[in-house]
Amino acid sequence: MDSNISDWHARFRDAEAALNGVVLGQARTIRLLLISALCRGHVLLAGDVGTGKTTLLRAMARALGGPYGRAEGTVDLLPTDLIYSAHIAEDGRPRIEPGPVLEQGEELAVFFFNEINRARPQVHALLLRLMAERSLSAFRREYHFPHLQVFADRNQIERDETFELPAAARDRFLMEIAVNAPAAPEDRVALAFEPRFHDTTALIAEVGQGILPYRGLNDLAAGVQAGTHASPALRRYVFDLCEALRNPASAGLALEGADAARLIRGGVSPRGMQHLVRAARACAWLEGREAVLPQDVRAVLAPVMAHRIFLSPAYEPRREALVPALIDAAFATIPVPAA
């Protein structure tokens, strides 16, 4: 990795600049997507309709290059629809064609699932296996997808004919990122008035195809994890943060309008902590450092951990307010190690 380290840093800088050029006001989300690519982790975007989630994921897929598959979540989608499609050909004979997961073969680099919560749990189960093992059984053989990264988005507005992802499926996503409309008025005005942003296909084409060569990312990711160090104090900091999210009362966290002792039904798992460490190392590497600092952990903790915190039923309706408040309380309470 050492001989190519400067080249990879330049590629990530170019990708970040290109993505920020076509998707306005989403700099934090773009940085998190790049971290996920460097971790080889799957990503779920959630937000209002029309905030650019699909455009952003299509642009990210173009930056990664490589074979690309896509599925649209609908209530009548079956698991088999992802694997194959059956139809009657012009000669009147039945035909079986590969579905969106298999039509690109085992080189599939990006799979985009649009409005994933419109699909039924049976479809989620198939996707769970694909994400967890990067493999699939079909047509009496096993398919392996070593380069695969799954991106999905979730419609948070409509509730009719939607199926929320089970905890096991959401836990397979490295990050769940909230995408809101751009905060800066000038960005919203530009999106409305500049014709360049009206043609999303032409806009996405401005991103260089394969700026981040997908075949090299697995080796790069392994090198980043092996070569980016965490001090004993930093390790203790991560452990204490995760323990505070698991048992806020024992950590001394106080939240307005909530009983910390009854708040949590299920906390951060060992896999969740593993993902947090991987993302923090990738964050440090993108900043040009060989050691993880507390700010790296704080930058990625919410998108990596928020969807892995399960509240008691009495508090679940207030999840959108309570989980960020819990994370803020952990940051305020757990001492930051000295540099």
C-alpha atoms as a PDB file:
ATOM      1  CA  MET A   1       0.000   0.000   0.000  1.00  0.00           C
ATOM      2  CA  ASP A   2       2.894   2.392   0.767  1.00  0.00           C
ATOM      3  CA  SER A   3       3.902   2.856  -2.868  1.00  0.00           C
ATOM      4  CA  ASN A   4       0.386   3.913  -3.849  1.00  0.00           C
ATOM      5  CA  ILE A   5      -0.657   5.803  -0.725  1.00  0.00           C
ATOM      6  CA  SER A   6      -0.323   9.288  -2.206  1.00  0.00           C
ATOM      7  CA  ASP A   7      -2.143   8.181  -5.354  1.00  0.00           C
ATOM      8  CA  TRP A   8      -5.071   6.833  -3.313  1.00  0.00           C
ATOM      9  CA  HIS A   9      -5.243   9.979  -1.217  1.00  0.00           C
ATOM     10  CA  ALA A  10      -5.389  12.037  -4.409  1.00  0.00           C
ATOM     11  CA  ARG A  11      -8.125   9.805  -5.813  1.00  0.00           C
ATOM     12  CA  PHE A  12     -10.261  10.220  -2.701  1.00  0.00           C
ATOM     13  CA  ARG A  13      -9.755  13.996  -2.783  1.00  0.00           C
ATOM     14  CA  ASP A  14     -10.792  14.064  -6.448  1.00  0.00           C
ATOM     15  CA  ALA A  15     -13.842  11.899  -5.756  1.00  0.00           C
ATOM     16  CA  GLU A  16     -14.914  14.104  -2.851  1.00  0.00           C
ATOM     17  CA  ALA A  17     -14.555  17.259  -4.938  1.00  0.00           C
ATOM     18  CA  ALA A  18     -16.465  15.736  -7.861  1.00  0.00           C
ATOM     19  CA  LEU A  19     -19.334  14.534  -5.672  1.00  0.00           C
ATOM     20  CA  ASN A  20     -19.611  17.872  -3.892  1.00  0.00           C
ATOM     21  CA  GLY A  21     -19.718  19.530  -7.294  1.00  0.00           C
ATOM     22  CA  VAL A  22     -22.811  17.642  -8.433  1.00  0.00           C
ATOM     23  CA  VAL A  23     -24.663  17.234  -5.109  1.00  0.00           C
ATOM     24  CA  LEU A  24     -24.855  20.519  -3.246  1.00  0.00           C
ATOM     25  CA  GLY A  25     -25.031  20.922   0.505  1.00  0.00           C
ATOM     26  CA  GLN A  26     -24.220  17.312   1.377  1.00  0.00           C
ATOM     27  CA  ALA A  27     -20.529  17.530   2.264  1.00  0.00           C
ATOM     28  CA  ARG A  28     -20.863  15.521   5.485  1.00  0.00           C
ATOM     29  CA  THR A  29     -22.890  12.778   3.793  1.00  0.00           C
ATOM     30  CA  ILE A  30     -20.361  12.564   0.959  1.00  0.00           C
ATOM     31  CA  ARG A  31     -17.463  12.259   3.409  1.00  0.00           C
ATOM     32  CA  LEU A  32     -19.332   9.457   5.215  1.00  0.00           C
ATOM     33  CA  LEU A  33     -19.968   7.637   1.931  1.00  0.00           C
ATOM     34  CA  LEU A  34     -16.261   7.790   1.131  1.00  0.00           C
ATOM     35  CA  ILE A  35     -15.468   6.423   4.591  1.00  0.00           C
ATOM     36  CA  SER A  36     -17.893   3.571   3.944  1.00  0.00           C
ATOM     37  CA  ALA A  37     -16.164   2.774   0.651  1.00  0.00           C
ATOM     38  CA  LEU A  38     -12.846   2.705   2.467  1.00  0.00           C
ATOM     39  CA  CYS A  39     -14.347   0.318   5.044  1.00  0.00           C
ATOM     40  CA  ARG A  40     -16.100  -1.810   2.377  1.00  0.00           C
ATOM     41  CA  GLY A  41     -19.316  -1.281   4.339  1.00  0.00           C
ATOM     42  CA  HIS A  42     -22.919  -1.031   3.216  1.00  0.00           C
ATOM     43  CA  VAL A  43     -24.894   2.207   3.627  1.00  0.00           C
ATOM     44  CA  LEU A  44     -28.562   3.080   4.196  1.00  0.00           C
ATOM     45  CA  LEU A  45     -29.689   6.636   3.452  1.00  0.00           C
ATOM     46  CA  ALA A  46     -32.854   7.948   5.072  1.00  0.00           C
ATOM     47  CA  GLY A  47     -34.592  11.257   4.538  1.00  0.00           C
ATOM     48  CA  ASP A  48     -37.434  13.187   3.021  1.00  0.00           C
ATOM     49  CA  VAL A  49     -38.496  12.778  -0.594  1.00  0.00           C
ATOM     50  CA  GLY A  50     -36.547  14.912  -3.053  1.00  0.00           C
ATOM     51  CA  THR A  51     -33.437  15.571  -0.979  1.00  0.00           C
ATOM     52  CA  GLY A  52     -31.087  13.985  -3.527  1.00  0.00           C
ATOM     53  CA  LYS A  53     -30.552  10.536  -2.018  1.00  0.00           C
ATOM     54  CA  THR A  54     -30.872   8.681  -5.318  1.00  0.00           C
ATOM     55  CA  THR A  55     -28.753  11.213  -7.210  1.00  0.00           C
ATOM     56  CA  LEU A  56     -26.038  10.992  -4.582  1.00  0.00           C
ATOM     57  CA  LEU A  57     -25.945   7.195  -4.621  1.00  0.00           C
ATOM     58  CA  ARG A  58     -25.882   7.077  -8.425  1.00  0.00           C
ATOM     59  CA  ALA A  59     -23.001   9.563  -8.430  1.00  0.00           C
ATOM     60  CA  MET A  60     -21.167   7.502  -5.816  1.00  0.00           C
ATOM     61  CA  ALA A  61     -21.653   4.358  -7.892  1.00  0.00           C
ATOM     62  CA  ARG A  62     -20.154   6.143 -10.902  1.00  0.00           C
ATOM     63  CA  ALA A  63     -17.146   7.230  -8.853  1.00  0.00           C
ATOM     64  CA  LEU A  64     -16.545   3.630  -7.830  1.00  0.00           C
ATOM     65  CA  GLY A  65     -16.990   2.373 -11.379  1.00  0.00           C
ATOM     66  CA  GLY A  66     -17.470  -1.292 -12.083  1.00  0.00           C
ATOM     67  CA  PRO A  67     -20.619  -3.292 -12.783  1.00  0.00           C
ATOM     68  CA  TYR A  68     -23.743  -1.821 -11.241  1.00  0.00           C
ATOM     69  CA  GLY A  69     -27.135  -3.309 -10.335  1.00  0.00           C
ATOM     70  CA  ARG A  70     -30.332  -1.679  -9.150  1.00  0.00           C
ATOM     71  CA  ALA A  71     -33.689  -2.755  -7.747  1.00  0.00           C
ATOM     72  CA  GLU A  72     -36.795  -0.724  -6.969  1.00  0.00           C
ATOM     73  CA  GLY A  73     -38.602  -1.597  -3.765  1.00  0.00           C
ATOM     74  CA  THR A  74     -42.269  -2.418  -4.363  1.00  0.00           C
ATOM     75  CA  VAL A  75     -44.850  -4.284  -2.327  1.00  0.00           C
ATOM     76  CA  ASP A  76     -45.112  -7.047  -4.950  1.00  0.00           C
ATOM     77  CA  LEU A  77     -41.345  -7.572  -5.342  1.00  0.00           C
ATOM     78  CA  LEU A  78     -40.334 -11.188  -4.687  1.00  0.00           C
ATOM     79  CA  PRO A  79     -36.883 -12.458  -3.623  1.00  0.00           C
ATOM     80  CA  THR A  80     -36.630 -14.368  -6.891  1.00  0.00           C
ATOM     81  CA  ASP A  81     -37.086 -11.113  -8.826  1.00  0.00           C
ATOM     82  CA  LEU A  82     -33.601 -10.098  -7.659  1.00  0.00           C
ATOM     83  CA  ILE A  83     -32.139 -13.354  -8.987  1.00  0.00           C
ATOM     84  CA  TYR A  84     -33.925 -13.963 -12.282  1.00  0.00           C
ATOM     85  CA  SER A  85     -36.754 -12.797 -14.512  1.00  0.00           C
ATOM     86  CA  ALA A  86     -38.996 -15.152 -16.493  1.00  0.00           C
ATOM     87  CA  HIS A  87     -40.727 -14.128 -19.693  1.00  0.00           C
ATOM     88  CA  ILE A  88     -42.067 -15.431 -22.982  1.00  0.00           C
ATOM     89  CA  ALA A  89     -39.705 -14.714 -25.853  1.00  0.00           C
ATOM     90  CA  GLU A  90     -40.726 -13.701 -29.373  1.00  0.00           C
ATOM     91  CA  ASP A  91     -40.573 -17.332 -30.477  1.00  0.00           C
ATOM     92  CA  GLY A  92     -43.164 -18.231 -27.849  1.00  0.00           C
ATOM     93  CA  ARG A  93     -40.745 -20.131 -25.646  1.00  0.00           C
ATOM     94  CA  PRO A  94     -40.196 -19.336 -21.969  1.00  0.00           C
ATOM     95  CA  ARG A  95     -36.928 -17.622 -21.139  1.00  0.00           C
ATOM     96  CA  ILE A  96     -35.039 -17.129 -17.877  1.00  0.00           C
ATOM     97  CA  GLU A  97     -32.792 -14.080 -17.675  1.00  0.00           C
ATOM     98  CA  PRO A  98     -30.526 -13.059 -14.775  1.00  0.00           C
ATOM     99  CA  GLY A  99     -32.035 -10.543 -12.374  1.00  0.00           C
ATOM    100  CA  PRO A 100     -30.378  -7.337 -11.169  1.00  0.00           C
ATOM    101  CA  VAL A 101     -28.086  -9.146  -8.714  1.00  0.00           C
ATOM    102  CA  LEU A 102     -26.768 -11.674 -11.229  1.00  0.00           C
ATOM    103  CA  GLU A 103     -26.904  -9.919 -14.590  1.00  0.00           C
ATOM    104  CA  GLN A 104     -23.450  -8.340 -14.061  1.00  0.00           C
ATOM    105  CA  GLY A 105     -21.881 -11.575 -12.805  1.00  0.00           C
ATOM    106  CA  GLU A 106     -19.590 -11.924  -9.826  1.00  0.00           C
ATOM    107  CA  GLU A 107     -17.788  -8.669 -10.630  1.00  0.00           C
ATOM    108  CA  LEU A 108     -20.831  -6.743  -9.366  1.00  0.00           C
ATOM    109  CA  ALA A 109     -19.369  -3.738  -7.543  1.00  0.00           C
ATOM    110  CA  VAL A 110     -22.385  -1.663  -6.509  1.00  0.00           C
ATOM    111  CA  PHE A 111     -25.953  -2.716  -5.852  1.00  0.00           C
ATOM    112  CA  PHE A 112     -28.460   0.059  -5.243  1.00  0.00           C
ATOM    113  CA  PHE A 113     -31.814  -0.774  -3.613  1.00  0.00           C
ATOM    114  CA  ASN A 114     -34.195   2.150  -4.012  1.00  0.00           C
ATOM    115  CA  GLU A 115     -36.916   2.590  -1.336  1.00  0.00           C
ATOM    116  CA  ILE A 116     -35.944  -0.574   0.453  1.00  0.00           C
ATOM    117  CA  ASN A 117     -38.751  -0.294   2.999  1.00  0.00           C
ATOM    118  CA  ARG A 118     -41.337  -0.813   0.274  1.00  0.00           C
ATOM    119  CA  ALA A 119     -40.080  -4.380  -0.202  1.00  0.00           C
ATOM    120  CA  ARG A 120     -41.407  -7.264   1.899  1.00  0.00           C
ATOM    121  CA  PRO A 121     -39.443  -9.006   4.692  1.00  0.00           C
ATOM    122  CA  GLN A 122     -38.732 -11.993   2.424  1.00  0.00           C
ATOM    123  CA  VAL A 123     -36.768  -9.676   0.143  1.00  0.00           C
ATOM    124  CA  HIS A 124     -34.976  -8.176   3.132  1.00  0.00           C
ATOM    125  CA  ALA A 125     -33.904 -11.684   4.167  1.00  0.00           C
ATOM    126  CA  LEU A 126     -32.271 -12.333   0.788  1.00  0.00           C
ATOM    127  CA  LEU A 127     -30.563  -8.958   0.877  1.00  0.00           C
ATOM    128  CA  LEU A 128     -29.321  -9.711   4.405  1.00  0.00           C
ATOM    129  CA  ARG A 129     -27.466 -12.788   3.168  1.00  0.00           C
ATOM    130  CA  LEU A 130     -26.056 -10.890   0.201  1.00  0.00           C
ATOM    131  CA  MET A 131     -24.775  -8.118   2.469  1.00  0.00           C
ATOM    132  CA  ALA A 132     -23.442 -10.350   5.237  1.00  0.00           C
ATOM    133  CA  GLU A 133     -21.684 -12.967   3.121  1.00  0.00           C
ATOM    134  CA  ARG A 134     -21.353 -11.285  -0.280  1.00  0.00           C
ATOM    135  CA  SER A 135     -22.618 -14.526  -1.751  1.00  0.00           C
ATOM    136  CA  LEU A 136     -25.810 -16.026  -3.126  1.00  0.00           C
ATOM    137  CA  SER A 137     -27.080 -19.507  -3.987  1.00  0.00           C
ATOM    138  CA  ALA A 138     -28.919 -19.791  -7.316  1.00  0.00           C
ATOM    139  CA  PHE A 139     -29.205 -22.185 -10.240  1.00  0.00           C
ATOM    140  CA  ARG A 140     -27.491 -24.971  -8.258  1.00  0.00           C
ATOM    141  CA  ARG A 141     -24.315 -23.022  -7.664  1.00  0.00           C
ATOM    142  CA  GLU A 142     -22.824 -20.439  -5.347  1.00  0.00           C
ATOM    143  CA  TYR A 143     -22.113 -16.913  -6.554  1.00  0.00           C
ATOM    144  CA  HIS A 144     -19.501 -14.778  -4.792  1.00  0.00           C
ATOM    145  CA  PHE A 145     -19.265 -10.992  -5.033  1.00  0.00           C
ATOM    146  CA  PRO A 146     -15.928  -9.973  -3.476  1.00  0.00           C
ATOM    147  CA  HIS A 147     -16.178  -6.304  -4.527  1.00  0.00           C
ATOM    148  CA  LEU A 148     -19.837  -5.738  -3.641  1.00  0.00           C
ATOM    149  CA  GLN A 149     -21.023  -2.682  -1.747  1.00  0.00           C
ATOM    150  CA  VAL A 150     -24.764  -2.241  -1.157  1.00  0.00           C
ATOM    151  CA  PHE A 151     -26.359   1.196  -1.038  1.00  0.00           C
ATOM    152  CA  ALA A 152     -30.019   1.597  -0.147  1.00  0.00           C
ATOM    153  CA  ASP A 153     -32.379   4.421   0.605  1.00  0.00           C
ATOM    154  CA  ARG A 154     -35.499   4.470   2.722  1.00  0.00           C
ATOM    155  CA  ASN A 155     -38.640   6.558   2.286  1.00  0.00           C
ATOM    156  CA  GLN A 156     -39.433   8.075   5.684  1.00  0.00           C
ATOM    157  CA  ILE A 157     -42.559   9.949   4.627  1.00  0.00           C
ATOM    158  CA  GLU A 158     -45.042   7.348   3.434  1.00  0.00           C
ATOM    159  CA  ARG A 159     -46.264   4.602   5.777  1.00  0.00           C
ATOM    160  CA  ASP A 160     -48.798   2.756   3.608  1.00  0.00           C
ATOM    161  CA  GLU A 161     -47.509  -0.509   2.133  1.00  0.00           C
ATOM    162  CA  THR A 162     -44.096  -0.163   3.724  1.00  0.00           C
ATOM    163  CA  PHE A 163     -42.168  -2.685   5.807  1.00  0.00           C
ATOM    164  CA  GLU A 164     -39.574  -1.480   8.261  1.00  0.00           C
ATOM    165  CA  LEU A 165     -36.288  -3.338   8.188  1.00  0.00           C
ATOM    166  CA  PRO A 166     -35.752  -5.734  11.086  1.00  0.00           C
ATOM    167  CA  ALA A 167     -32.935  -5.048  13.517  1.00  0.00           C
ATOM    168  CA  ALA A 168     -30.781  -7.821  12.028  1.00  0.00           C
ATOM    169  CA  ALA A 169     -30.988  -6.269   8.561  1.00  0.00           C
ATOM    170  CA  ARG A 170     -30.254  -2.735   9.743  1.00  0.00           C
ATOM    171  CA  ASP A 171     -27.273  -3.988  11.729  1.00  0.00           C
ATOM    172  CA  ARG A 172     -25.673  -5.181   8.477  1.00  0.00           C
ATOM    173  CA  PHE A 173     -25.392  -1.580   7.298  1.00  0.00           C
ATOM    174  CA  LEU A 174     -22.138   0.013   8.377  1.00  0.00           C
ATOM    175  CA  MET A 175     -23.901   3.368   8.470  1.00  0.00           C
ATOM    176  CA  GLU A 176     -27.381   4.808   8.404  1.00  0.00           C
ATOM    177  CA  ILE A 177     -27.144   8.421   7.252  1.00  0.00           C
ATOM    178  CA  ALA A 178     -29.879  11.031   7.471  1.00  0.00           C
ATOM    179  CA  VAL A 179     -30.053  13.198   4.341  1.00  0.00           C
ATOM    180  CA  ASN A 180     -31.775  16.549   4.717  1.00  0.00           C
ATOM    181  CA  ALA A 181     -32.294  19.413   2.305  1.00  0.00           C
ATOM    182  CA  PRO A 182     -29.245  21.699   1.965  1.00  0.00           C
ATOM    183  CA  ALA A 183     -29.033  24.133   4.866  1.00  0.00           C
ATOM    184  CA  ALA A 184     -27.535  27.024   2.892  1.00  0.00           C
ATOM    185  CA  PRO A 185     -30.156  29.142   1.078  1.00  0.00           C
ATOM    186  CA  GLU A 186     -27.787  29.703  -1.847  1.00  0.00           C
ATOM    187  CA  ASP A 187     -27.567  25.935  -2.421  1.00  0.00           C
ATOM    188  CA  ARG A 188     -31.349  25.564  -2.445  1.00  0.00           C
ATOM    189  CA  VAL A 189     -31.664  28.502  -4.849  1.00  0.00           C
ATOM    190  CA  ALA A 190     -29.005  27.004  -7.140  1.00  0.00           C
ATOM    191  CA  LEU A 191     -30.784  23.637  -7.190  1.00  0.00           C
ATOM    192  CA  ALA A 192     -34.030  25.354  -8.144  1.00  0.00           C
ATOM    193  CA  PHE A 193     -32.803  27.850 -10.739  1.00  0.00           C
ATOM    194  CA  GLU A 194     -29.665  26.461 -12.389  1.00  0.00           C
ATOM    195  CA  PRO A 195     -30.619  24.171 -15.317  1.00  0.00           C
ATOM    196  CA  ARG A 196     -27.457  22.139 -14.755  1.00  0.00           C
ATOM    197  CA  PHE A 197     -29.054  20.545 -11.694  1.00  0.00           C
ATOM    198  CA  HIS A 198     -32.315  19.694 -13.471  1.00  0.00           C
ATOM    199  CA  ASP A 199     -30.901  16.921 -15.675  1.00  0.00           C
ATOM    200  CA  THR A 200     -29.612  14.408 -13.141  1.00  0.00           C
ATOM    201  CA  THR A 201     -28.281  11.969 -15.749  1.00  0.00           C
ATOM    202  CA  ALA A 202     -26.072  14.621 -17.354  1.00  0.00           C
ATOM    203  CA  LEU A 203     -25.112  15.898 -13.908  1.00  0.00           C
ATOM    204  CA  ILE A 204     -23.978  12.467 -12.708  1.00  0.00           C
ATOM    205  CA  ALA A 205     -21.965  12.024 -15.923  1.00  0.00           C
ATOM    206  CA  GLU A 206     -19.745  14.887 -14.712  1.00  0.00           C
ATOM    207  CA  VAL A 207     -18.312  12.523 -12.085  1.00  0.00           C
ATOM    208  CA  GLY A 208     -15.339  10.660 -13.494  1.00  0.00           C
ATOM    209  CA  GLN A 209     -16.088   6.991 -14.073  1.00  0.00           C
ATOM    210  CA  GLY A 210     -14.053   4.880 -11.675  1.00  0.00           C
ATOM    211  CA  ILE A 211     -12.175   7.661  -9.885  1.00  0.00           C
ATOM    212  CA  LEU A 212     -11.922   5.104  -7.058  1.00  0.00           C
ATOM    213  CA  PRO A 213     -11.069   1.837  -8.875  1.00  0.00           C
ATOM    214  CA  TYR A 214     -13.274  -0.739  -7.178  1.00  0.00           C
ATOM    215  CA  ARG A 215     -10.866  -3.641  -7.677  1.00  0.00           C
ATOM    216  CA  GLY A 216      -8.253  -1.964  -5.500  1.00  0.00           C
ATOM    217  CA  LEU A 217     -10.462  -0.993  -2.589  1.00  0.00           C
ATOM    218  CA  ASN A 218     -10.390  -4.320  -0.739  1.00  0.00           C
ATOM    219  CA  ASP A 219      -6.593  -4.296  -0.484  1.00  0.00           C
ATOM    220  CA  LEU A 220      -6.562  -0.601   0.375  1.00  0.00           C
ATOM    221  CA  ALA A 221      -9.160  -1.110   3.113  1.00  0.00           C
ATOM    222  CA  ALA A 222      -7.140  -3.937   4.651  1.00  0.00           C
ATOM    223  CA  GLY A 223      -4.005  -1.788   4.587  1.00  0.00           C
ATOM    224  CA  VAL A 224      -5.776   1.153   6.212  1.00  0.00           C
ATOM    225  CA  GLN A 225      -7.096  -1.015   9.046  1.00  0.00           C
ATOM    226  CA  ALA A 226      -3.684  -2.592   9.635  1.00  0.00           C
ATOM    227  CA  GLY A 227      -1.697   0.621   9.365  1.00  0.00           C
ATOM    228  CA  THR A 228      -3.854   3.123  11.278  1.00  0.00           C
ATOM    229  CA  HIS A 229      -3.162   2.809  14.972  1.00  0.00           C
ATOM    230  CA  ALA A 230      -5.211   3.413  18.105  1.00  0.00           C
ATOM    231  CA  SER A 231      -3.535   4.164  21.430  1.00  0.00           C
ATOM    232  CA  PRO A 232      -4.560   2.386  24.645  1.00  0.00           C
ATOM    233  CA  ALA A 233      -6.229   5.609  25.809  1.00  0.00           C
ATOM    234  CA  LEU A 234      -8.201   5.858  22.565  1.00  0.00           C
ATOM    235  CA  ARG A 235      -9.268   2.232  22.864  1.00  0.00           C
ATOM    236  CA  ARG A 236     -10.527   2.878  26.374  1.00  0.00           C
ATOM    237  CA  TYR A 237     -12.399   5.951  25.137  1.00  0.00           C
ATOM    238  CA  VAL A 238     -14.213   3.925  22.477  1.00  0.00           C
ATOM    239  CA  PHE A 239     -15.061   1.207  24.998  1.00  0.00           C
ATOM    240  CA  ASP A 240     -16.411   3.722  27.521  1.00  0.00           C
ATOM    241  CA  LEU A 241     -18.542   5.449  24.886  1.00  0.00           C
ATOM    242  CA  CYS A 242     -20.067   2.164  23.786  1.00  0.00           C
ATOM    243  CA  GLU A 243     -20.702   1.092  27.378  1.00  0.00           C
ATOM    244  CA  ALA A 244     -22.423   4.418  28.040  1.00  0.00           C
ATOM    245  CA  LEU A 245     -24.727   3.797  25.077  1.00  0.00           C
ATOM    246  CA  ARG A 246     -25.483   0.305  26.385  1.00  0.00           C
ATOM    247  CA  ASN A 247     -26.092   1.328  29.986  1.00  0.00           C
ATOM    248  CA  PRO A 248     -26.549   5.096  30.240  1.00  0.00           C
ATOM    249  CA  ALA A 249     -27.605   5.038  33.900  1.00  0.00           C
ATOM    250  CA  SER A 250     -24.420   3.292  35.024  1.00  0.00           C
ATOM    251  CA  ALA A 251     -22.344   5.797  33.049  1.00  0.00           C
ATOM    252  CA  GLY A 252     -24.064   8.708  34.748  1.00  0.00           C
ATOM    253  CA  LEU A 253     -25.831   9.993  31.627  1.00  0.00           C
ATOM    254  CA  ALA A 254     -28.852  12.216  32.197  1.00  0.00           C
ATOM    255  CA  LEU A 255     -31.498  12.915  29.562  1.00  0.00           C
ATOM    256  CA  GLU A 256     -34.336  15.355  29.954  1.00  0.00           C
ATOM    257  CA  GLY A 257     -37.709  13.627  29.975  1.00  0.00           C
ATOM    258  CA  ALA A 258     -36.291  10.080  30.050  1.00  0.00           C
ATOM    259  CA  ASP A 259     -35.339   7.574  32.736  1.00  0.00           C
ATOM    260  CA  ALA A 260     -31.815   6.495  31.805  1.00  0.00           C
ATOM    261  CA  ALA A 261     -32.251   3.203  33.678  1.00  0.00           C
ATOM    262  CA  ARG A 262     -35.261   2.228  31.536  1.00  0.00           C
ATOM    263  CA  LEU A 263     -34.299   3.827  28.244  1.00  0.00           C
ATOM    264  CA  ILE A 264     -32.339   1.086  26.480  1.00  0.00           C
ATOM    265  CA  ARG A 265     -33.758  -2.251  25.392  1.00  0.00           C
ATOM    266  CA  GLY A 266     -30.668  -3.282  23.427  1.00  0.00           C
ATOM    267  CA  GLY A 267     -27.358  -1.516  23.099  1.00  0.00           C
ATOM    268  CA  VAL A 268     -24.271  -1.547  20.971  1.00  0.00           C
ATOM    269  CA  SER A 269     -23.138  -5.025  19.919  1.00  0.00           C
ATOM    270  CA  PRO A 270     -19.515  -6.174  19.504  1.00  0.00           C
ATOM    271  CA  ARG A 271     -20.058  -5.962  15.747  1.00  0.00           C
ATOM    272  CA  GLY A 272     -21.238  -2.390  16.178  1.00  0.00           C
ATOM    273  CA  MET A 273     -18.074  -1.508  18.079  1.00  0.00           C
ATOM    274  CA  GLN A 274     -16.014  -3.198  15.380  1.00  0.00           C
ATOM    275  CA  HIS A 275     -17.697  -1.092  12.707  1.00  0.00           C
ATOM    276  CA  LEU A 276     -17.102   2.058  14.747  1.00  0.00           C
ATOM    277  CA  VAL A 277     -13.377   1.320  14.961  1.00  0.00           C
ATOM    278  CA  ARG A 278     -13.139   0.564  11.240  1.00  0.00           C
ATOM    279  CA  ALA A 279     -14.918   3.815  10.353  1.00  0.00           C
ATOM    280  CA  ALA A 280     -12.772   5.864  12.756  1.00  0.00           C
ATOM    281  CA  ARG A 281      -9.588   4.428  11.223  1.00  0.00           C
ATOM    282  CA  ALA A 282     -10.836   5.247   7.729  1.00  0.00           C
ATOM    283  CA  CYS A 283     -11.709   8.776   8.882  1.00  0.00           C
ATOM    284  CA  ALA A 284      -8.191   9.257  10.270  1.00  0.00           C
ATOM    285  CA  TRP A 285      -6.631   7.939   7.043  1.00  0.00           C
ATOM    286  CA  LEU A 286      -8.653  10.360   4.921  1.00  0.00           C
ATOM    287  CA  GLU A 287      -7.302  13.166   7.094  1.00  0.00           C
ATOM    288  CA  GLY A 288      -3.753  11.983   6.358  1.00  0.00           C
ATOM    289  CA  ARG A 289      -3.033  10.559   9.811  1.00  0.00           C
ATOM    290  CA  GLU A 290      -1.688   7.178  10.879  1.00  0.00           C
ATOM    291  CA  ALA A 291      -3.359   7.262  14.310  1.00  0.00           C
ATOM    292  CA  VAL A 292      -6.997   7.558  15.332  1.00  0.00           C
ATOM    293  CA  LEU A 293      -7.903  10.629  17.381  1.00  0.00           C
ATOM    294  CA  PRO A 294     -11.041  11.237  19.478  1.00  0.00           C
ATOM    295  CA  GLN A 295     -12.448  13.554  16.802  1.00  0.00           C
ATOM    296  CA  ASP A 296     -12.403  10.662  14.328  1.00  0.00           C
ATOM    297  CA  VAL A 297     -14.531   8.579  16.673  1.00  0.00           C
ATOM    298  CA  ARG A 298     -16.928  11.453  17.312  1.00  0.00           C
ATOM    299  CA  ALA A 299     -17.264  12.165  13.573  1.00  0.00           C
ATOM    300  CA  VAL A 300     -18.558   8.681  12.756  1.00  0.00           C
ATOM    301  CA  LEU A 301     -20.224   7.512  15.975  1.00  0.00           C
ATOM    302  CA  ALA A 302     -23.760   8.728  15.235  1.00  0.00           C
ATOM    303  CA  PRO A 303     -24.111   7.297  11.692  1.00  0.00           C
ATOM    304  CA  VAL A 304     -22.488   4.009  12.746  1.00  0.00           C
ATOM    305  CA  MET A 305     -24.249   3.567  16.092  1.00  0.00           C
ATOM    306  CA  ALA A 306     -27.624   5.331  16.086  1.00  0.00           C
ATOM    307  CA  HIS A 307     -29.455   2.550  14.225  1.00  0.00           C
ATOM    308  CA  ARG A 308     -27.909  -0.046  16.560  1.00  0.00           C
ATOM    309  CA  ILE A 309     -29.422   1.507  19.693  1.00  0.00           C
ATOM    310  CA  PHE A 310     -32.786  -0.035  20.528  1.00  0.00           C
ATOM    311  CA  LEU A 311     -35.033   1.891  22.893  1.00  0.00           C
ATOM    312  CA  SER A 312     -37.650   0.527  25.252  1.00  0.00           C
ATOM    313  CA  PRO A 313     -41.166   0.546  23.728  1.00  0.00           C
ATOM    314  CA  ALA A 314     -42.239   3.494  25.887  1.00  0.00           C
ATOM    315  CA  TYR A 315     -39.471   5.642  24.396  1.00  0.00           C
ATOM    316  CA  GLU A 316     -39.385   4.381  20.811  1.00  0.00           C
ATOM    317  CA  PRO A 317     -41.921   6.967  19.517  1.00  0.00           C
ATOM    318  CA  ARG A 318     -39.456   9.687  20.584  1.00  0.00           C
ATOM    319  CA  ARG A 319     -36.488   7.965  18.966  1.00  0.00           C
ATOM    320  CA  GLU A 320     -35.554  10.823  16.619  1.00  0.00           C
ATOM    321  CA  ALA A 321     -35.008  13.131  19.585  1.00  0.00           C
ATOM    322  CA  LEU A 322     -33.780  10.700  22.238  1.00  0.00           C
ATOM    323  CA  VAL A 323     -31.017   8.872  20.336  1.00  0.00           C
ATOM    324  CA  PRO A 324     -29.138  12.061  19.321  1.00  0.00           C
ATOM    325  CA  ALA A 325     -29.598  13.357  22.881  1.00  0.00           C
ATOM    326  CA  LEU A 326     -28.177  10.098  24.238  1.00  0.00           C
ATOM    327  CA  ILE A 327     -25.114  10.336  21.977  1.00  0.00           C
ATOM    328  CA  ASP A 328     -24.578  13.990  22.923  1.00  0.00           C
ATOM    329  CA  ALA A 329     -24.832  13.055  26.615  1.00  0.00           C
ATOM    330  CA  ALA A 330     -22.220  10.330  26.128  1.00  0.00           C
ATOM    331  CA  PHE A 331     -19.860  12.800  24.451  1.00  0.00           C
ATOM    332  CA  ALA A 332     -20.409  15.295  27.279  1.00  0.00           C
ATOM    333  CA  THR A 333     -19.906  12.732  30.049  1.00  0.00           C
ATOM    334  CA  ILE A 334     -17.106  10.418  28.914  1.00  0.00           C
ATOM    335  CA  PRO A 335     -13.711  12.117  29.375  1.00  0.00           C
ATOM    336  CA  VAL A 336     -11.770  12.732  26.173  1.00  0.00           C
ATOM    337  CA  PRO A 337      -8.249  11.292  26.400  1.00  0.00           C
ATOM    338  CA  ALA A 338      -5.382  13.716  26.247  1.00  0.00           C
ATOM    339  CA  ALA A 339      -3.507  13.926  22.969  1.00  0.00           C
END
